[in-house]
Amino acid sequence: MTDLAPNDSNAPPYSVSELAFALKRTLEDRYGFVRLRGELSKVTHHSNGHVYLTIKDDKSAIDGVVWKGNVRGLGVRPEHGLEVIVTGKITTYPAGSRYQIVIDSMEAAGVGALLAQLERLKAKLAAEGLFAPERKRPLPSMPAVVGVITSPTGAVIRDILHRIRDRWPCQVLVWPCVVQGDQAAAQVSAAIRGFNAIQPGGPVPRPDILIVARGGGSVEDLWAFNDESLARTVAEGTIPLISAVGHETDTTLIDFVSDRRAPTPTAAAEMATPVLAELRALISDFDRRLNRCGARGIEERRTRLLGAARGLPRPNDLLALAQQRFDIASGRLDAALHRNTTVHAQDLLKTTARLTPDVLARQRTIKAERLADLARRLDACGTRAPERAAAHARLPALWDRLRTAGERRLVRAQDQLAGLEKLRQSLNPERPLELGFALVRKGDGTLARSAADLVSGERVNLKFKSGDRDAVIDGEGGFVPPSPASAPAPKPRPKPVAPPADQGDLF
């Protein structure tokens, strides 16, 4: 760009876009790498993954942006009020005529800033209930499989394996991962999720307890265990977990979320496993105490039994009375059997005395006489066979005479029924209605047979062939139709019972 005098009217004009992009190139060329320290404010995590923020100090402020591809590589999570050191380049936003810094990396500015960020995160997780004592799971007393998440190279894994081997020989599964740096939190989270995803009874045994271990170090070295996603992964796990990160004075975020915190990795191994020798000694002591208690109980019961036995009578005294009763009964039994046999023999003689041949002969004679009588009657029936044949020959004539008499009786009954129907029709009180007359019924439903039966003002019902009408008797002997509101509803009248249509068989 050529320098021109302010009053040079021949200078070519720039468009706004040309000037904006020229300034953009100038700033990016001049400040292509900038390391900036300040406090974050107005931090916005956009839905597309970008982070927009402002970096300020006590006098000035500059806008900044972290593109989505660089967010995961940041050393700290951008939060409002955090003091950081960022690295990036200065550029402009031509649409708004303002400059900003595009951030490539970010780290906390000192230990104080890291601790302040940690306190804010602890308060947030505590408010969600992740540190509540009631959600912590008890540790198994005798685990069969122990899962260890730590670095495969180092003194920590050797101390844990040595301690478990001395105390409680069991199977140990080691999930190797880095325990320091940007990738540590993600790898430890993946290891916890992997152990929890193992199904019982599969080819790989499912651990009964997990140990996350790391040796001591500075705050920056242990910062990976203050990651929010790692803390939530620990809280979501179903296997009890012991946190053994750093030394006794070191405290990380997963110490509050885990089910138990150990001051050292060796102490974690001691918490996870019992001492086999102590268990054997305890069982031996229980066995000795059980034997002593059993022997003491048997001896007490033996003493009580002997004391109770001294108060009982002798066996001979207990059996003497029963033996005497037995002897008396056995002595009476022989005489009773002889007497019973004699009585039954006498009863048998009485019965056999009545069973003589004359009784059987008399019954035989009676049966023979009845049989002869039946034979004679049968022969008599055979001699009257022609008479029965003549009677059968007269049956058709008798049937014709009976049918003729029945038909004459049926005709007479039909004539009588027709006469009764005519009489019923003549006596039907509603027959005059077909000739144009009407029936006058009083309020109680009875027929008015004369004018004297009606009084002035009385309500009556007039029944015609085509329907009913209500009326009121006036003073001159006429009818006045009542008003619809005051007219009482006519009472139901009994309907005449028609004679049965079919009289049935008359004979």
Protein backbone atom coordinates (compact mmCIF):
# COMPACT_ATOMS: atom_id res chain seq x y z
CA MET A 1 0.00 0.00 0.00
CA THR A 2 1.51 3.33 -1.11
CA ASP A 3 1.64 6.34 1.20
CA LEU A 4 -0.43 9.20 -0.21
CA ALA A 5 -0.83 12.77 0.94
CA PRO A 6 -4.06 13.50 2.81
CA ASN A 7 -5.10 16.02 0.17
CA ASP A 8 -4.33 13.82 -2.78
CA SER A 9 -7.64 13.48 -4.50
CA ASN A 10 -6.18 11.17 -7.15
CA ALA A 11 -5.68 8.27 -4.61
CA PRO A 12 -7.85 5.27 -5.56
CA PRO A 13 -10.54 4.57 -2.95
CA TYR A 14 -10.64 1.18 -1.15
CA SER A 15 -13.79 -0.77 -0.55
CA VAL A 16 -14.62 -1.65 3.03
CA SER A 17 -13.92 -5.35 2.41
CA GLU A 18 -10.55 -4.60 0.80
CA LEU A 19 -9.46 -2.54 3.78
CA ALA A 20 -10.80 -5.07 6.32
CA PHE A 21 -9.00 -8.03 4.75
CA ALA A 22 -5.82 -5.99 4.26
CA LEU A 23 -5.78 -5.24 7.98
CA LYS A 24 -6.52 -8.92 8.69
CA ARG A 25 -3.47 -10.05 6.68
CA THR A 26 -1.30 -7.42 8.32
CA LEU A 27 -2.22 -8.55 11.87
CA GLU A 28 -1.87 -12.25 11.08
CA ASP A 29 1.56 -11.69 9.53
CA ARG A 30 2.74 -9.48 12.37
CA TYR A 31 1.21 -11.46 15.28
CA GLY A 32 1.14 -15.00 13.94
CA PHE A 33 2.23 -16.41 17.32
CA VAL A 34 1.19 -14.74 20.57
CA ARG A 35 1.38 -15.98 24.16
CA LEU A 36 -1.17 -14.13 26.27
CA ARG A 37 -2.01 -14.18 30.00
CA GLY A 38 -5.28 -13.00 31.48
CA GLU A 39 -8.57 -13.86 33.14
CA LEU A 40 -11.40 -15.57 31.23
CA SER A 41 -14.87 -14.07 31.09
CA LYS A 42 -18.01 -14.43 28.95
CA VAL A 43 -17.14 -18.09 28.22
CA THR A 44 -19.69 -19.57 25.78
CA HIS A 45 -19.63 -23.22 24.68
CA HIS A 46 -21.46 -23.20 21.35
CA SER A 47 -23.59 -26.14 20.21
CA ASN A 48 -21.30 -26.70 17.21
CA GLY A 49 -18.34 -27.35 19.53
CA HIS A 50 -16.56 -23.97 19.30
CA VAL A 51 -15.79 -21.94 22.44
CA TYR A 52 -16.08 -18.15 22.44
CA LEU A 53 -14.59 -16.16 25.32
CA THR A 54 -12.98 -12.91 26.43
CA ILE A 55 -9.50 -12.55 27.97
CA LYS A 56 -9.07 -9.50 30.18
CA ASP A 57 -6.88 -7.86 32.79
CA ASP A 58 -7.52 -4.82 34.95
CA LYS A 59 -7.34 -2.39 31.99
CA SER A 60 -8.09 -4.13 28.69
CA ALA A 61 -9.94 -7.08 27.14
CA ILE A 62 -9.66 -9.05 23.91
CA ASP A 63 -12.09 -11.53 22.37
CA GLY A 64 -10.96 -15.08 21.72
CA VAL A 65 -12.21 -18.21 20.00
CA VAL A 66 -11.24 -21.87 20.31
CA TRP A 67 -12.22 -23.93 17.29
CA LYS A 68 -13.81 -27.33 17.87
CA GLY A 69 -10.72 -29.26 16.77
CA ASN A 70 -8.59 -27.59 19.47
CA VAL A 71 -11.05 -27.82 22.40
CA ARG A 72 -10.12 -31.40 23.36
CA GLY A 73 -6.40 -30.54 23.39
CA LEU A 74 -6.70 -27.71 25.91
CA GLY A 75 -4.90 -28.21 29.19
CA VAL A 76 -7.85 -26.86 31.24
CA ARG A 77 -11.55 -26.46 30.66
CA PRO A 78 -12.37 -22.80 29.90
CA GLU A 79 -14.47 -21.35 32.74
CA HIS A 80 -15.43 -17.87 33.84
CA GLY A 81 -12.91 -16.30 36.24
CA LEU A 82 -10.07 -18.73 35.47
CA GLU A 83 -6.62 -17.16 35.01
CA VAL A 84 -4.91 -18.79 32.04
CA ILE A 85 -2.01 -18.53 29.62
CA VAL A 86 -3.12 -19.01 26.01
CA THR A 87 -1.17 -19.41 22.80
CA GLY A 88 -2.51 -18.44 19.39
CA LYS A 89 -2.55 -15.85 16.64
CA ILE A 90 -4.18 -12.44 16.34
CA THR A 91 -6.74 -12.02 13.56
CA THR A 92 -9.70 -9.81 12.79
CA TYR A 93 -13.39 -10.39 12.30
CA PRO A 94 -14.08 -8.32 9.17
CA ALA A 95 -17.85 -8.38 9.56
CA GLY A 96 -17.61 -6.58 12.90
CA SER A 97 -14.41 -4.54 12.49
CA ARG A 98 -12.83 -6.04 15.65
CA TYR A 99 -9.77 -8.12 16.32
CA GLN A 100 -9.56 -11.36 18.30
CA ILE A 101 -7.18 -14.16 19.18
CA VAL A 102 -7.58 -17.66 17.79
CA ILE A 103 -6.44 -19.92 20.65
CA ASP A 104 -4.47 -23.11 19.95
CA SER A 105 -3.54 -24.10 23.53
CA MET A 106 -4.53 -23.06 27.05
CA GLU A 107 -3.07 -23.75 30.47
CA ALA A 108 -3.82 -22.49 33.94
CA ALA A 109 -1.70 -19.58 35.11
CA GLY A 110 -0.25 -21.03 38.29
CA VAL A 111 -1.35 -23.49 40.96
CA GLY A 112 -3.78 -21.04 42.51
CA ALA A 113 -5.84 -20.91 39.35
CA LEU A 114 -5.94 -24.71 39.11
CA LEU A 115 -7.07 -25.03 42.70
CA ALA A 116 -9.75 -22.39 42.21
CA GLN A 117 -11.05 -24.29 39.19
CA LEU A 118 -10.97 -27.51 41.21
CA GLU A 119 -13.01 -25.96 44.03
CA ARG A 120 -15.67 -24.76 41.61
CA LEU A 121 -15.91 -28.23 40.05
CA LYS A 122 -16.10 -29.88 43.49
CA ALA A 123 -18.95 -27.61 44.50
CA LYS A 124 -20.80 -28.42 41.29
CA LEU A 125 -20.47 -32.22 41.69
CA ALA A 126 -21.30 -32.04 45.39
CA ALA A 127 -24.51 -30.19 44.57
CA GLU A 128 -25.43 -33.04 42.20
CA GLY A 129 -25.00 -35.58 45.02
CA LEU A 130 -21.95 -37.41 43.62
CA PHE A 131 -20.14 -37.11 46.97
CA ALA A 132 -23.09 -38.31 49.10
CA PRO A 133 -22.10 -41.06 51.58
CA GLU A 134 -25.31 -43.04 50.96
CA ARG A 135 -24.39 -43.72 47.32
CA LYS A 136 -21.00 -45.26 48.18
CA ARG A 137 -20.93 -49.07 47.86
CA PRO A 138 -19.42 -51.38 50.52
CA LEU A 139 -16.23 -53.21 49.61
CA PRO A 140 -16.36 -57.03 49.27
CA SER A 141 -14.79 -58.81 52.22
CA MET A 142 -13.11 -61.62 50.22
CA PRO A 143 -12.74 -60.68 46.54
CA ALA A 144 -11.89 -63.40 44.04
CA VAL A 145 -10.72 -61.00 41.27
CA VAL A 146 -9.11 -57.57 41.77
CA GLY A 147 -8.90 -55.09 38.89
CA VAL A 148 -6.00 -52.59 38.93
CA ILE A 149 -5.90 -49.49 36.70
CA THR A 150 -2.42 -47.98 36.63
CA SER A 151 0.75 -47.69 34.60
CA PRO A 152 2.26 -51.11 33.79
CA THR A 153 5.77 -49.72 34.34
CA GLY A 154 6.63 -48.34 37.74
CA ALA A 155 6.81 -49.18 41.39
CA VAL A 156 3.07 -48.79 42.02
CA ILE A 157 1.96 -51.95 40.23
CA ARG A 158 4.79 -53.96 41.79
CA ASP A 159 3.86 -52.79 45.30
CA ILE A 160 0.20 -53.65 44.77
CA LEU A 161 0.90 -57.12 43.34
CA HIS A 162 3.42 -57.90 46.07
CA ARG A 163 1.03 -56.80 48.83
CA ILE A 164 -1.91 -58.78 47.44
CA ARG A 165 0.24 -61.90 47.01
CA ASP A 166 1.35 -61.73 50.65
CA ARG A 167 -2.11 -61.07 52.11
CA TRP A 168 -4.72 -62.76 49.92
CA PRO A 169 -3.58 -64.79 46.86
CA CYS A 170 -6.23 -64.10 44.24
CA GLN A 171 -6.50 -63.27 40.55
CA VAL A 172 -5.41 -59.74 39.57
CA LEU A 173 -6.35 -58.08 36.25
CA VAL A 174 -4.22 -55.08 35.27
CA TRP A 175 -5.55 -52.53 32.77
CA PRO A 176 -2.50 -50.57 31.60
CA CYS A 177 -2.91 -46.85 30.95
CA VAL A 178 -1.01 -43.59 31.28
CA VAL A 179 -1.56 -41.79 34.58
CA GLN A 180 -0.16 -38.37 33.66
CA GLY A 181 -0.72 -35.95 30.82
CA ASP A 182 -3.55 -35.00 28.51
CA GLN A 183 -4.55 -38.58 27.66
CA ALA A 184 -4.55 -39.91 31.23
CA ALA A 185 -8.17 -38.99 32.13
CA ALA A 186 -9.59 -40.50 28.93
CA GLN A 187 -7.63 -43.75 29.31
CA VAL A 188 -8.55 -44.20 32.98
CA SER A 189 -12.22 -43.56 32.15
CA ALA A 190 -12.05 -46.13 29.35
CA ALA A 191 -10.49 -48.67 31.73
CA ILE A 192 -13.25 -48.18 34.34
CA ARG A 193 -15.96 -48.53 31.69
CA GLY A 194 -14.21 -51.61 30.28
CA PHE A 195 -14.07 -53.38 33.64
CA ASN A 196 -17.74 -52.57 34.33
CA ALA A 197 -18.72 -53.90 30.88
CA ILE A 198 -17.35 -57.41 31.61
CA GLN A 199 -20.24 -59.83 32.07
CA PRO A 200 -20.15 -62.45 34.85
CA GLY A 201 -19.42 -65.95 33.61
CA GLY A 202 -17.59 -64.80 30.48
CA PRO A 203 -14.12 -65.76 29.28
CA VAL A 204 -12.63 -62.85 31.22
CA PRO A 205 -13.57 -62.88 34.94
CA ARG A 206 -15.40 -59.79 36.21
CA PRO A 207 -13.49 -58.00 39.02
CA ASP A 208 -15.10 -57.79 42.43
CA ILE A 209 -13.28 -54.54 43.22
CA LEU A 210 -11.24 -51.92 41.31
CA ILE A 211 -8.13 -49.97 42.32
CA VAL A 212 -7.10 -46.76 40.52
CA ALA A 213 -3.51 -46.14 41.57
CA ARG A 214 -0.73 -43.63 40.86
CA GLY A 215 2.34 -42.50 42.75
CA GLY A 216 2.85 -39.05 44.19
CA GLY A 217 3.60 -35.86 42.24
CA SER A 218 2.85 -32.20 41.88
CA VAL A 219 -0.60 -30.72 41.39
CA GLU A 220 0.04 -30.53 37.66
CA ASP A 221 1.10 -34.18 37.56
CA LEU A 222 -2.09 -35.32 39.32
CA TRP A 223 -4.39 -32.92 37.51
CA ALA A 224 -5.69 -35.61 35.15
CA PHE A 225 -7.53 -37.19 38.12
CA ASN A 226 -9.45 -33.93 38.65
CA ASP A 227 -11.21 -34.30 35.30
CA GLU A 228 -14.99 -33.93 35.45
CA SER A 229 -15.73 -36.70 32.93
CA LEU A 230 -13.48 -39.10 34.88
CA ALA A 231 -15.32 -38.29 38.12
CA ARG A 232 -18.68 -38.94 36.47
CA THR A 233 -17.40 -42.24 35.05
CA VAL A 234 -16.37 -43.35 38.55
CA ALA A 235 -19.79 -42.39 39.90
CA GLU A 236 -21.61 -44.32 37.16
CA GLY A 237 -19.66 -47.56 37.70
CA THR A 238 -21.23 -50.59 39.39
CA ILE A 239 -18.04 -52.20 40.74
CA PRO A 240 -16.74 -50.81 44.09
CA LEU A 241 -13.68 -48.65 43.46
CA ILE A 242 -10.75 -47.58 45.66
CA SER A 243 -8.89 -44.38 44.75
CA ALA A 244 -5.15 -44.51 45.52
CA VAL A 245 -3.75 -41.48 43.70
CA GLY A 246 -0.68 -39.76 45.12
CA HIS A 247 0.47 -39.75 48.72
CA GLU A 248 -1.59 -39.26 51.85
CA THR A 249 -1.53 -35.46 51.58
CA ASP A 250 -2.56 -35.44 47.90
CA THR A 251 -6.30 -35.06 47.18
CA THR A 252 -7.92 -35.39 43.77
CA LEU A 253 -11.50 -35.21 42.57
CA ILE A 254 -11.98 -38.97 42.22
CA ASP A 255 -11.10 -39.37 45.92
CA PHE A 256 -14.48 -37.80 46.74
CA VAL A 257 -16.44 -39.81 44.13
CA SER A 258 -14.86 -43.22 44.75
CA ASP A 259 -16.26 -45.68 47.29
CA ARG A 260 -13.09 -45.59 49.40
CA ARG A 261 -9.93 -43.45 49.40
CA ALA A 262 -6.55 -44.99 50.21
CA PRO A 263 -3.59 -42.82 51.30
CA THR A 264 -1.17 -44.92 49.19
CA PRO A 265 -1.39 -47.67 46.56
CA THR A 266 -0.10 -50.18 49.13
CA ALA A 267 -2.86 -49.17 51.54
CA ALA A 268 -5.38 -49.66 48.71
CA ALA A 269 -4.20 -53.26 48.28
CA GLU A 270 -4.64 -53.78 52.03
CA MET A 271 -8.17 -52.31 51.94
CA ALA A 272 -9.17 -54.50 49.00
CA THR A 273 -7.96 -57.84 50.42
CA PRO A 274 -8.05 -59.51 53.83
CA VAL A 275 -5.10 -61.30 55.44
CA LEU A 276 -5.39 -65.04 54.77
CA ALA A 277 -3.29 -65.95 57.83
CA GLU A 278 -5.50 -63.82 60.06
CA LEU A 279 -8.63 -65.46 58.64
CA ARG A 280 -7.18 -68.91 59.28
CA ALA A 281 -6.27 -67.96 62.83
CA LEU A 282 -9.74 -66.48 63.35
CA ILE A 283 -11.38 -69.65 62.03
CA SER A 284 -9.20 -71.79 64.28
CA ASP A 285 -10.13 -69.63 67.26
CA PHE A 286 -13.83 -69.91 66.35
CA ASP A 287 -13.43 -73.70 66.07
CA ARG A 288 -11.84 -73.93 69.52
CA ARG A 289 -14.50 -71.71 71.04
CA LEU A 290 -17.21 -73.77 69.34
CA ASN A 291 -15.79 -77.00 70.72
CA ARG A 292 -15.53 -75.53 74.21
CA CYS A 293 -19.07 -74.20 74.06
CA GLY A 294 -20.38 -77.55 72.79
CA ALA A 295 -18.56 -79.52 75.49
CA ARG A 296 -19.76 -77.13 78.18
CA GLY A 297 -23.34 -77.42 76.94
CA ILE A 298 -23.19 -81.24 76.91
CA GLU A 299 -21.75 -81.30 80.41
CA GLU A 300 -24.44 -78.96 81.71
CA ARG A 301 -27.18 -81.11 80.20
CA ARG A 302 -25.59 -84.31 81.60
CA THR A 303 -25.57 -82.79 85.07
CA ARG A 304 -29.20 -81.71 84.74
CA LEU A 305 -30.17 -85.17 83.50
CA LEU A 306 -28.49 -86.88 86.45
CA GLY A 307 -30.17 -84.53 88.87
CA ALA A 308 -33.56 -85.15 87.30
CA ALA A 309 -32.96 -88.93 87.30
CA ARG A 310 -32.37 -88.92 91.04
CA GLY A 311 -35.85 -87.54 91.56
CA LEU A 312 -37.55 -90.30 89.52
CA PRO A 313 -38.74 -93.62 91.09
CA ARG A 314 -37.02 -96.92 90.33
CA PRO A 315 -38.06 -98.78 87.14
CA ASN A 316 -39.25 -101.80 89.16
CA ASP A 317 -41.58 -99.56 91.15
CA LEU A 318 -43.00 -98.05 87.95
CA LEU A 319 -43.69 -101.51 86.44
CA ALA A 320 -44.97 -103.27 89.54
CA LEU A 321 -48.56 -101.99 89.35
CA ALA A 322 -48.84 -102.69 85.64
CA GLN A 323 -47.42 -106.20 86.14
CA GLN A 324 -50.01 -106.89 88.83
CA ARG A 325 -52.89 -105.79 86.59
CA PHE A 326 -51.52 -108.01 83.81
CA ASP A 327 -51.36 -111.06 86.06
CA ILE A 328 -54.96 -110.57 87.22
CA ALA A 329 -56.23 -110.13 83.66
CA SER A 330 -54.37 -113.20 82.41
CA GLY A 331 -55.80 -115.30 85.24
CA ARG A 332 -59.36 -114.25 84.40
CA LEU A 333 -58.91 -114.73 80.67
CA ASP A 334 -58.91 -118.58 80.68
CA ALA A 335 -62.19 -118.88 82.63
CA ALA A 336 -63.80 -116.17 80.45
CA LEU A 337 -62.90 -118.05 77.28
CA HIS A 338 -64.43 -121.31 78.56
CA ARG A 339 -67.58 -119.53 79.62
CA ASN A 340 -67.90 -117.79 76.24
CA THR A 341 -67.48 -121.12 74.40
CA THR A 342 -70.25 -122.71 76.48
CA VAL A 343 -72.70 -119.88 75.80
CA HIS A 344 -72.13 -120.06 72.04
CA ALA A 345 -72.54 -123.86 72.06
CA GLN A 346 -75.95 -123.52 73.75
CA ASP A 347 -77.06 -120.93 71.18
CA LEU A 348 -76.01 -123.29 68.38
CA LEU A 349 -78.06 -126.15 69.83
CA LYS A 350 -81.16 -123.96 70.04
CA THR A 351 -80.82 -122.94 66.43
CA THR A 352 -80.19 -126.45 65.06
CA ALA A 353 -83.22 -127.77 66.94
CA ARG A 354 -85.49 -125.67 64.73
CA LEU A 355 -83.86 -126.85 61.48
CA THR A 356 -85.86 -130.17 60.96
CA PRO A 357 -86.65 -131.94 57.61
CA ASP A 358 -90.37 -131.28 58.15
CA VAL A 359 -89.80 -127.52 57.71
CA LEU A 360 -88.09 -128.00 54.38
CA ALA A 361 -90.71 -130.58 53.19
CA ARG A 362 -93.59 -128.21 54.02
CA GLN A 363 -92.03 -125.41 51.95
CA ARG A 364 -91.51 -127.83 49.07
CA THR A 365 -95.16 -128.92 49.15
CA ILE A 366 -96.38 -125.29 49.07
CA LYS A 367 -94.19 -124.47 46.06
CA ALA A 368 -95.36 -127.63 44.19
CA GLU A 369 -99.05 -126.74 44.71
CA ARG A 370 -98.49 -123.19 43.36
CA LEU A 371 -96.71 -124.62 40.33
CA ALA A 372 -99.62 -127.02 39.57
CA ASP A 373 -102.13 -124.18 39.84
CA LEU A 374 -100.17 -122.10 37.34
CA ALA A 375 -100.10 -125.05 34.92
CA ARG A 376 -103.87 -125.44 35.10
CA ARG A 377 -104.43 -121.74 34.41
CA LEU A 378 -102.10 -121.90 31.45
CA ASP A 379 -104.07 -124.82 29.96
CA ALA A 380 -107.33 -122.90 30.46
CA CYS A 381 -105.96 -119.93 28.56
CA GLY A 382 -105.10 -122.24 25.65
CA THR A 383 -108.72 -123.48 25.38
CA ARG A 384 -110.13 -119.85 25.05
CA ALA A 385 -108.01 -118.97 22.01
CA PRO A 386 -110.99 -119.04 19.51
CA GLU A 387 -112.90 -116.59 21.71
CA ARG A 388 -109.96 -114.13 21.65
CA ALA A 389 -109.79 -114.41 17.83
CA ALA A 390 -113.52 -113.50 17.51
CA ALA A 391 -112.98 -110.52 19.80
CA HIS A 392 -110.12 -109.31 17.61
CA ALA A 393 -112.39 -109.56 14.53
CA ARG A 394 -114.97 -107.27 16.18
CA LEU A 395 -112.38 -104.53 16.97
CA PRO A 396 -112.57 -102.65 13.56
CA ALA A 397 -116.35 -102.26 13.84
CA LEU A 398 -116.06 -101.01 17.40
CA TRP A 399 -113.40 -98.48 16.32
CA ASP A 400 -115.64 -97.13 13.52
CA ARG A 401 -118.52 -96.65 15.91
CA LEU A 402 -116.26 -94.89 18.43
CA ARG A 403 -114.84 -92.51 15.77
CA THR A 404 -118.36 -91.66 14.48
CA ALA A 405 -119.54 -90.85 18.02
CA GLY A 406 -116.48 -88.67 18.59
CA GLU A 407 -117.07 -86.69 15.39
CA ARG A 408 -120.71 -86.05 16.33
CA ARG A 409 -119.61 -84.84 19.77
CA LEU A 410 -117.00 -82.54 18.19
CA VAL A 411 -119.64 -80.97 15.91
CA ARG A 412 -121.93 -80.30 18.86
CA ALA A 413 -119.08 -78.72 20.79
CA GLN A 414 -118.20 -76.44 17.86
CA ASP A 415 -121.84 -75.27 17.63
CA GLN A 416 -121.84 -74.53 21.35
CA LEU A 417 -118.57 -72.54 20.98
CA ALA A 418 -120.01 -70.43 18.15
CA GLY A 419 -123.06 -69.62 20.26
CA LEU A 420 -120.88 -68.59 23.18
CA GLU A 421 -118.79 -66.31 20.90
CA LYS A 422 -121.96 -64.55 19.67
CA LEU A 423 -123.09 -64.09 23.26
CA ARG A 424 -119.67 -62.66 24.18
CA GLN A 425 -119.83 -60.18 21.32
CA SER A 426 -123.32 -59.03 22.34
CA LEU A 427 -122.19 -58.54 25.96
CA ASN A 428 -118.99 -56.61 25.06
CA PRO A 429 -119.38 -53.09 26.56
CA GLU A 430 -117.12 -51.54 23.89
CA ARG A 431 -119.10 -52.83 20.89
CA PRO A 432 -121.31 -49.67 20.74
CA LEU A 433 -118.10 -47.65 20.21
CA GLU A 434 -117.98 -48.96 16.64
CA LEU A 435 -121.39 -47.35 16.06
CA GLY A 436 -120.21 -43.88 17.17
CA PHE A 437 -121.07 -44.07 20.87
CA ALA A 438 -118.68 -43.29 23.73
CA LEU A 439 -118.07 -44.77 27.17
CA VAL A 440 -118.11 -42.36 30.11
CA ARG A 441 -115.84 -43.33 32.98
CA LYS A 442 -115.73 -41.54 36.28
CA GLY A 443 -112.57 -40.48 38.08
CA ASP A 444 -112.32 -43.83 39.87
CA GLY A 445 -112.48 -45.76 36.56
CA THR A 446 -116.12 -47.02 36.90
CA LEU A 447 -118.71 -46.58 34.12
CA ALA A 448 -121.33 -43.82 34.41
CA ARG A 449 -124.60 -45.56 33.52
CA SER A 450 -126.89 -42.49 33.97
CA ALA A 451 -126.69 -38.71 34.26
CA ALA A 452 -127.51 -38.98 37.94
CA ASP A 453 -124.18 -40.68 38.52
CA LEU A 454 -122.36 -37.47 37.52
CA VAL A 455 -122.08 -34.23 39.46
CA SER A 456 -121.15 -30.75 38.28
CA GLY A 457 -117.39 -30.19 38.06
CA GLU A 458 -116.54 -33.88 38.12
CA ARG A 459 -113.72 -35.03 35.83
CA VAL A 460 -114.60 -37.87 33.50
CA ASN A 461 -112.94 -39.82 30.71
CA LEU A 462 -114.62 -40.29 27.34
CA LYS A 463 -113.50 -43.31 25.43
CA PHE A 464 -114.16 -43.48 21.69
CA LYS A 465 -113.21 -46.10 19.17
CA SER A 466 -110.22 -44.04 18.01
CA GLY A 467 -108.95 -42.86 21.45
CA ASP A 468 -109.68 -41.21 24.83
CA ARG A 469 -110.48 -37.66 25.88
CA ASP A 470 -110.78 -36.09 29.36
CA ALA A 471 -113.66 -33.71 30.23
CA VAL A 472 -115.34 -31.93 33.13
CA ILE A 473 -119.15 -31.95 33.79
CA ASP A 474 -120.56 -28.41 33.64
CA GLY A 475 -123.58 -27.14 35.54
CA GLU A 476 -125.97 -27.65 32.58
CA GLY A 477 -125.17 -31.29 32.07
CA GLY A 478 -122.64 -30.81 29.26
CA PHE A 479 -118.91 -31.56 29.00
CA VAL A 480 -116.11 -29.00 29.20
CA PRO A 481 -112.62 -30.09 28.11
CA PRO A 482 -110.14 -29.57 31.01
CA SER A 483 -106.97 -27.48 30.71
CA PRO A 484 -103.85 -29.48 29.86
CA ALA A 485 -102.05 -28.44 33.08
CA SER A 486 -104.88 -29.44 35.44
CA ALA A 487 -106.14 -32.55 33.67
CA PRO A 488 -105.33 -35.61 35.73
CA ALA A 489 -103.90 -38.63 34.05
CA PRO A 490 -106.56 -41.32 33.49
CA LYS A 491 -106.24 -44.37 35.67
CA PRO A 492 -105.50 -47.63 33.87
CA ARG A 493 -108.57 -49.77 33.28
CA PRO A 494 -108.56 -53.52 33.26
CA LYS A 495 -108.68 -54.89 29.75
CA PRO A 496 -111.34 -57.51 28.92
CA VAL A 497 -109.96 -61.01 28.77
CA ALA A 498 -110.63 -62.64 25.39
CA PRO A 499 -111.69 -66.28 25.35
CA PRO A 500 -109.01 -68.75 24.30
CA ALA A 501 -108.81 -69.19 20.56
CA ASP A 502 -108.37 -72.95 20.77
CA GLN A 503 -110.72 -74.92 23.02
CA GLY A 504 -108.68 -78.10 22.61
CA ASP A 505 -110.07 -81.63 22.34
CA LEU A 506 -113.70 -81.80 23.65
CA PHE A 507 -113.79 -85.59 24.16
